[in-house]
Amino acid sequence: MKENKVKKQLIMGCVLLGIFIITGSIQAIFSPFTFVRGISLLSVIACSAGVGAFIREFFILKEKNYSK
């Protein structure tokens, strides 16, 4: 039961970070200010790394479950 809750939390985190990445990307593309573009790009890169780590953990957990 606890594994299912953890998986749901990871999925929700990925979805929320994905939404943040999309809005940050849109802001970086359409912002007229260079400073705002730079900060937006840095936040998008950081969140993308976080989402990638979550997805990697999903695949690792999936592989461990199938190998049992």
Protein backbone atom coordinates (compact mmCIF):
# COMPACT_ATOMS: atom_id res chain seq x y z
CA MET A 1 0.00 0.00 0.00
CA LYS A 2 2.82 2.38 0.86
CA GLU A 3 4.58 1.76 -2.49
CA ASN A 4 1.41 2.77 -4.34
CA LYS A 5 1.23 6.03 -2.37
CA VAL A 6 4.87 6.81 -3.13
CA LYS A 7 4.32 6.16 -6.84
CA LYS A 8 1.30 8.47 -6.88
CA GLN A 9 3.33 11.19 -5.17
CA LEU A 10 6.16 10.81 -7.68
CA ILE A 11 3.72 11.01 -10.59
CA MET A 12 2.08 14.12 -9.11
CA GLY A 13 5.50 15.71 -8.62
CA CYS A 14 6.46 14.98 -12.22
CA VAL A 15 3.22 16.47 -13.51
CA LEU A 16 3.60 19.63 -11.44
CA LEU A 17 7.24 20.08 -12.40
CA GLY A 18 6.29 19.44 -16.04
CA ILE A 19 3.74 22.25 -15.88
CA PHE A 20 6.37 24.52 -14.32
CA ILE A 21 8.83 23.62 -17.08
CA ILE A 22 6.28 24.45 -19.78
CA THR A 23 5.35 27.81 -18.25
CA GLY A 24 9.01 28.66 -17.64
CA SER A 25 9.85 27.81 -21.24
CA ILE A 26 7.05 30.00 -22.54
CA GLN A 27 8.22 32.83 -20.31
CA ALA A 28 11.82 32.41 -21.51
CA ILE A 29 10.73 32.51 -25.15
CA PHE A 30 8.41 35.51 -25.01
CA SER A 31 10.07 37.70 -22.37
CA PRO A 32 11.51 40.96 -23.73
CA PHE A 33 14.06 41.19 -20.88
CA THR A 34 17.35 39.32 -21.08
CA PHE A 35 17.65 38.93 -17.30
CA VAL A 36 14.22 37.32 -17.03
CA ARG A 37 15.06 34.98 -19.93
CA GLY A 38 18.26 33.90 -18.20
CA ILE A 39 16.59 33.22 -14.87
CA SER A 40 13.75 31.36 -16.60
CA LEU A 41 16.20 29.20 -18.53
CA LEU A 42 18.11 28.34 -15.36
CA SER A 43 14.92 27.33 -13.55
CA VAL A 44 13.75 25.25 -16.54
CA ILE A 45 17.10 23.43 -16.66
CA ALA A 46 17.04 22.74 -12.91
CA CYS A 47 13.46 21.44 -12.99
CA SER A 48 14.20 19.32 -16.06
CA ALA A 49 17.01 17.63 -14.16
CA GLY A 50 14.61 16.95 -11.29
CA VAL A 51 11.97 15.44 -13.55
CA GLY A 52 14.62 13.32 -15.25
CA ALA A 53 15.75 11.97 -11.88
CA PHE A 54 12.16 11.10 -10.93
CA ILE A 55 11.58 9.29 -14.21
CA ARG A 56 14.85 7.39 -13.82
CA GLU A 57 13.70 6.27 -10.36
CA PHE A 58 10.44 5.01 -11.87
CA PHE A 59 12.34 2.83 -14.31
CA ILE A 60 14.63 1.54 -11.57
CA LEU A 61 11.66 0.67 -9.34
CA LYS A 62 9.87 -0.97 -12.26
CA GLU A 63 12.93 -3.08 -13.07
CA LYS A 64 13.32 -4.18 -9.43
CA ASN A 65 9.64 -5.21 -9.28
CA TYR A 66 9.87 -7.30 -12.46
CA SER A 67 13.10 -9.00 -11.40
CA LYS A 68 11.52 -10.33 -8.18
